Amino acid sequence: MSLIIRRAESADAALVHGFVVKLAEYEKLSHEVEASVEQIGAQLFGDDPKVFCEIAELDGEPVGFALWFYTFSTFQGRHGIWLEDLYVDPETRGKGIGKALLAALARRCVDEGLGRFEWWVLDWNEPAIQFYQSQGAVMQNEWTVCRVSGAELTALAGKL
């Protein structure tokens, strides 16, 4: 078994989009996917990308991805990494692929002197919670996510 983690390239836009769709299906959120292959490609591989992606390949075949971006902690005075999405094909889970993706981003944090590596996990996804905890993640249950989108975002912006 040969596992490599590599940076996504522009030719991977459809692959990344496919992983996003699979992740949304798993999380029962397919109805929320609006991104197109073209949008994913433009955001990841345009002139000034703000989001990045690692691809996991098992024996030369893509089997998972980690999509991430930099954050900033005012308390630490340092940047960190936010893992937006992590997905591994179900038939290849349990082979260390998710751990390898997390480890690659953790190495980036350490190598770049970043202060944090964070992400969300759905509260019903017990297998993922157990996996993340086994990797040293500490659940931050005292925080509540806030989101404004759609008409509410437009209203908040004073555009209605």
C-alpha atoms as a PDB file:
ATOM      1  CA  MET A   1       0.000   0.000   0.000  1.00  0.00           C
ATOM      2  CA  SER A   2       1.408   3.346  -1.097  1.00  0.00           C
ATOM      3  CA  LEU A   3      -0.172   6.451   0.442  1.00  0.00           C
ATOM      4  CA  ILE A   4       0.841   9.957  -0.570  1.00  0.00           C
ATOM      5  CA  ILE A   5      -0.550  13.346   0.363  1.00  0.00           C
ATOM      6  CA  ARG A   6      -0.054  15.974  -2.328  1.00  0.00           C
ATOM      7  CA  ARG A   7      -1.181  19.541  -2.981  1.00  0.00           C
ATOM      8  CA  ALA A   8      -4.162  19.716  -5.320  1.00  0.00           C
ATOM      9  CA  GLU A   9      -3.457  21.055  -8.816  1.00  0.00           C
ATOM     10  CA  SER A  10      -5.711  22.921 -11.243  1.00  0.00           C
ATOM     11  CA  ALA A  11      -6.484  19.669 -13.082  1.00  0.00           C
ATOM     12  CA  ASP A  12      -8.030  18.412  -9.796  1.00  0.00           C
ATOM     13  CA  ALA A  13     -10.959  20.878  -9.730  1.00  0.00           C
ATOM     14  CA  ALA A  14     -13.529  18.246 -10.767  1.00  0.00           C
ATOM     15  CA  LEU A  15     -12.016  15.728  -8.343  1.00  0.00           C
ATOM     16  CA  VAL A  16     -12.237  18.175  -5.436  1.00  0.00           C
ATOM     17  CA  HIS A  17     -15.805  19.073  -6.399  1.00  0.00           C
ATOM     18  CA  GLY A  18     -16.662  15.368  -6.476  1.00  0.00           C
ATOM     19  CA  PHE A  19     -15.281  14.918  -2.960  1.00  0.00           C
ATOM     20  CA  VAL A  20     -17.330  17.930  -1.789  1.00  0.00           C
ATOM     21  CA  VAL A  21     -20.477  16.340  -3.230  1.00  0.00           C
ATOM     22  CA  LYS A  22     -19.697  12.985  -1.573  1.00  0.00           C
ATOM     23  CA  LEU A  23     -19.056  14.693   1.760  1.00  0.00           C
ATOM     24  CA  ALA A  24     -22.344  16.593   1.499  1.00  0.00           C
ATOM     25  CA  GLU A  25     -24.184  13.325   0.783  1.00  0.00           C
ATOM     26  CA  TYR A  26     -22.582  11.675   3.836  1.00  0.00           C
ATOM     27  CA  GLU A  27     -23.479  14.666   6.034  1.00  0.00           C
ATOM     28  CA  LYS A  28     -27.044  14.742   4.652  1.00  0.00           C
ATOM     29  CA  LEU A  29     -26.384  18.251   3.309  1.00  0.00           C
ATOM     30  CA  SER A  30     -26.540  17.710  -0.458  1.00  0.00           C
ATOM     31  CA  HIS A  31     -29.229  20.373  -0.696  1.00  0.00           C
ATOM     32  CA  GLU A  32     -26.664  22.975   0.431  1.00  0.00           C
ATOM     33  CA  VAL A  33     -24.107  22.353  -2.327  1.00  0.00           C
ATOM     34  CA  GLU A  34     -24.135  25.316  -4.690  1.00  0.00           C
ATOM     35  CA  ALA A  35     -20.480  25.309  -5.779  1.00  0.00           C
ATOM     36  CA  SER A  36     -19.678  24.301  -9.340  1.00  0.00           C
ATOM     37  CA  VAL A  37     -16.494  22.696 -10.621  1.00  0.00           C
ATOM     38  CA  GLU A  38     -15.605  26.075 -12.129  1.00  0.00           C
ATOM     39  CA  GLN A  39     -16.094  27.898  -8.830  1.00  0.00           C
ATOM     40  CA  ILE A  40     -13.972  25.352  -6.961  1.00  0.00           C
ATOM     41  CA  GLY A  41     -11.270  25.685  -9.612  1.00  0.00           C
ATOM     42  CA  ALA A  42     -11.302  29.479  -9.503  1.00  0.00           C
ATOM     43  CA  GLN A  43     -11.117  29.611  -5.700  1.00  0.00           C
ATOM     44  CA  LEU A  44      -8.375  26.995  -5.327  1.00  0.00           C
ATOM     45  CA  PHE A  45      -6.273  27.773  -8.386  1.00  0.00           C
ATOM     46  CA  GLY A  46      -6.972  31.391  -9.335  1.00  0.00           C
ATOM     47  CA  ASP A  47      -4.505  34.280  -9.163  1.00  0.00           C
ATOM     48  CA  ASP A  48      -4.741  34.841  -5.405  1.00  0.00           C
ATOM     49  CA  PRO A  49      -6.196  31.737  -3.718  1.00  0.00           C
ATOM     50  CA  LYS A  50      -7.457  32.044  -0.154  1.00  0.00           C
ATOM     51  CA  VAL A  51      -8.238  28.336   0.231  1.00  0.00           C
ATOM     52  CA  PHE A  52      -6.030  25.302  -0.322  1.00  0.00           C
ATOM     53  CA  CYS A  53      -6.422  21.558  -0.756  1.00  0.00           C
ATOM     54  CA  GLU A  54      -4.463  18.379  -0.160  1.00  0.00           C
ATOM     55  CA  ILE A  55      -5.299  15.159  -2.014  1.00  0.00           C
ATOM     56  CA  ALA A  56      -4.722  11.685  -0.579  1.00  0.00           C
ATOM     57  CA  GLU A  57      -3.766   9.020  -3.094  1.00  0.00           C
ATOM     58  CA  LEU A  58      -3.720   5.329  -2.252  1.00  0.00           C
ATOM     59  CA  ASP A  59      -1.776   3.248  -4.759  1.00  0.00           C
ATOM     60  CA  GLY A  60      -2.037   6.115  -7.244  1.00  0.00           C
ATOM     61  CA  GLU A  61      -5.796   6.590  -6.891  1.00  0.00           C
ATOM     62  CA  PRO A  62      -7.329   9.671  -5.239  1.00  0.00           C
ATOM     63  CA  VAL A  63      -9.301   8.559  -2.170  1.00  0.00           C
ATOM     64  CA  GLY A  64      -9.716  11.666  -0.041  1.00  0.00           C
ATOM     65  CA  PHE A  65      -9.078  15.341   0.445  1.00  0.00           C
ATOM     66  CA  ALA A  66      -8.562  18.066   3.020  1.00  0.00           C
ATOM     67  CA  LEU A  67      -9.658  21.595   2.123  1.00  0.00           C
ATOM     68  CA  TRP A  68      -8.285  24.335   4.395  1.00  0.00           C
ATOM     69  CA  PHE A  69      -7.428  28.002   4.854  1.00  0.00           C
ATOM     70  CA  TYR A  70      -5.458  30.224   7.217  1.00  0.00           C
ATOM     71  CA  THR A  71      -7.096  31.816  10.259  1.00  0.00           C
ATOM     72  CA  PHE A  72      -5.792  34.286  12.817  1.00  0.00           C
ATOM     73  CA  SER A  73      -5.988  34.242  16.615  1.00  0.00           C
ATOM     74  CA  THR A  74      -5.847  37.651  18.228  1.00  0.00           C
ATOM     75  CA  PHE A  75      -5.233  35.937  21.569  1.00  0.00           C
ATOM     76  CA  GLN A  76      -2.175  34.081  20.271  1.00  0.00           C
ATOM     77  CA  GLY A  77      -1.109  36.754  17.815  1.00  0.00           C
ATOM     78  CA  ARG A  78      -0.511  34.026  15.246  1.00  0.00           C
ATOM     79  CA  HIS A  79      -2.152  32.437  12.264  1.00  0.00           C
ATOM     80  CA  GLY A  80      -3.610  28.952  12.337  1.00  0.00           C
ATOM     81  CA  ILE A  81      -5.254  26.531   9.945  1.00  0.00           C
ATOM     82  CA  TRP A  82      -8.979  25.933   9.651  1.00  0.00           C
ATOM     83  CA  LEU A  83      -9.860  22.558   8.146  1.00  0.00           C
ATOM     84  CA  GLU A  84     -13.044  23.243   6.212  1.00  0.00           C
ATOM     85  CA  ASP A  85     -13.570  19.743   4.839  1.00  0.00           C
ATOM     86  CA  LEU A  86     -12.002  16.329   5.326  1.00  0.00           C
ATOM     87  CA  TYR A  87     -13.297  13.341   3.402  1.00  0.00           C
ATOM     88  CA  VAL A  88     -12.049   9.821   2.764  1.00  0.00           C
ATOM     89  CA  ASP A  89     -13.901   7.379   0.519  1.00  0.00           C
ATOM     90  CA  PRO A  90     -15.783   4.879   2.727  1.00  0.00           C
ATOM     91  CA  GLU A  91     -14.161   1.820   1.175  1.00  0.00           C
ATOM     92  CA  THR A  92     -10.694   3.079   2.105  1.00  0.00           C
ATOM     93  CA  ARG A  93     -11.407   4.269   5.650  1.00  0.00           C
ATOM     94  CA  GLY A  94      -9.430   2.626   8.418  1.00  0.00           C
ATOM     95  CA  LYS A  95      -6.202   2.627   6.393  1.00  0.00           C
ATOM     96  CA  GLY A  96      -4.663   5.739   7.957  1.00  0.00           C
ATOM     97  CA  ILE A  97      -5.703   8.135   5.187  1.00  0.00           C
ATOM     98  CA  GLY A  98      -7.604  10.581   7.401  1.00  0.00           C
ATOM     99  CA  LYS A  99      -4.772  10.523   9.905  1.00  0.00           C
ATOM    100  CA  ALA A 100      -2.239  11.207   7.141  1.00  0.00           C
ATOM    101  CA  LEU A 101      -4.255  14.211   5.914  1.00  0.00           C
ATOM    102  CA  LEU A 102      -4.505  15.600   9.453  1.00  0.00           C
ATOM    103  CA  ALA A 103      -0.807  14.944  10.076  1.00  0.00           C
ATOM    104  CA  ALA A 104       0.170  16.788   6.865  1.00  0.00           C
ATOM    105  CA  LEU A 105      -1.728  19.877   7.997  1.00  0.00           C
ATOM    106  CA  ALA A 106      -0.390  19.568  11.546  1.00  0.00           C
ATOM    107  CA  ARG A 107       3.144  19.481  10.102  1.00  0.00           C
ATOM    108  CA  ARG A 108       2.378  22.632   8.130  1.00  0.00           C
ATOM    109  CA  CYS A 109       1.243  24.295  11.370  1.00  0.00           C
ATOM    110  CA  VAL A 110       4.419  23.291  13.183  1.00  0.00           C
ATOM    111  CA  ASP A 111       6.729  24.137  10.262  1.00  0.00           C
ATOM    112  CA  GLU A 112       5.144  27.580   9.789  1.00  0.00           C
ATOM    113  CA  GLY A 113       4.931  28.374  13.510  1.00  0.00           C
ATOM    114  CA  LEU A 114       1.138  28.482  13.444  1.00  0.00           C
ATOM    115  CA  GLY A 115      -0.740  28.437  16.736  1.00  0.00           C
ATOM    116  CA  ARG A 116      -3.863  26.368  16.061  1.00  0.00           C
ATOM    117  CA  PHE A 117      -5.369  23.672  13.882  1.00  0.00           C
ATOM    118  CA  GLU A 118      -9.156  23.677  14.126  1.00  0.00           C
ATOM    119  CA  TRP A 119     -12.305  22.333  12.487  1.00  0.00           C
ATOM    120  CA  TRP A 120     -15.948  21.510  13.086  1.00  0.00           C
ATOM    121  CA  VAL A 121     -17.509  18.084  13.389  1.00  0.00           C
ATOM    122  CA  LEU A 122     -21.235  17.384  13.331  1.00  0.00           C
ATOM    123  CA  ASP A 123     -22.475  16.414  16.788  1.00  0.00           C
ATOM    124  CA  TRP A 124     -24.178  13.255  15.470  1.00  0.00           C
ATOM    125  CA  ASN A 125     -21.049  11.976  13.690  1.00  0.00           C
ATOM    126  CA  GLU A 126     -19.783   9.781  16.518  1.00  0.00           C
ATOM    127  CA  PRO A 127     -17.255   7.843  14.383  1.00  0.00           C
ATOM    128  CA  ALA A 128     -15.614  11.123  13.326  1.00  0.00           C
ATOM    129  CA  ILE A 129     -15.684  12.500  16.876  1.00  0.00           C
ATOM    130  CA  GLN A 130     -13.994   9.367  18.201  1.00  0.00           C
ATOM    131  CA  PHE A 131     -11.431   9.465  15.394  1.00  0.00           C
ATOM    132  CA  TYR A 132     -10.597  13.127  15.999  1.00  0.00           C
ATOM    133  CA  GLN A 133     -10.307  12.587  19.743  1.00  0.00           C
ATOM    134  CA  SER A 134      -7.966   9.652  19.116  1.00  0.00           C
ATOM    135  CA  GLN A 135      -5.751  12.111  17.204  1.00  0.00           C
ATOM    136  CA  GLY A 136      -5.613  14.492  20.165  1.00  0.00           C
ATOM    137  CA  ALA A 137      -8.465  16.844  19.245  1.00  0.00           C
ATOM    138  CA  VAL A 138     -10.302  18.474  22.142  1.00  0.00           C
ATOM    139  CA  MET A 139     -13.981  19.240  21.586  1.00  0.00           C
ATOM    140  CA  GLN A 140     -14.768  22.936  22.176  1.00  0.00           C
ATOM    141  CA  ASN A 141     -18.330  22.486  23.423  1.00  0.00           C
ATOM    142  CA  GLU A 142     -18.548  25.919  25.023  1.00  0.00           C
ATOM    143  CA  TRP A 143     -18.649  27.623  21.602  1.00  0.00           C
ATOM    144  CA  THR A 144     -21.751  27.987  19.431  1.00  0.00           C
ATOM    145  CA  VAL A 145     -21.444  28.533  15.697  1.00  0.00           C
ATOM    146  CA  CYS A 146     -23.114  31.657  14.303  1.00  0.00           C
ATOM    147  CA  ARG A 147     -24.005  31.945  10.637  1.00  0.00           C
ATOM    148  CA  VAL A 148     -25.649  34.649   8.550  1.00  0.00           C
ATOM    149  CA  SER A 149     -26.390  33.885   4.888  1.00  0.00           C
ATOM    150  CA  GLY A 150     -28.873  34.531   2.109  1.00  0.00           C
ATOM    151  CA  ALA A 151     -31.461  37.262   2.681  1.00  0.00           C
ATOM    152  CA  GLU A 152     -30.302  37.706   6.273  1.00  0.00           C
ATOM    153  CA  LEU A 153     -26.759  38.438   5.097  1.00  0.00           C
ATOM    154  CA  THR A 154     -28.034  40.973   2.591  1.00  0.00           C
ATOM    155  CA  ALA A 155     -30.189  42.605   5.280  1.00  0.00           C
ATOM    156  CA  LEU A 156     -27.275  42.758   7.729  1.00  0.00           C
ATOM    157  CA  ALA A 157     -25.189  44.409   5.030  1.00  0.00           C
ATOM    158  CA  GLY A 158     -27.884  47.074   4.764  1.00  0.00           C
ATOM    159  CA  LYS A 159     -28.666  46.168   1.178  1.00  0.00           C
ATOM    160  CA  LEU A 160     -32.409  45.440   1.493  1.00  0.00           C
END
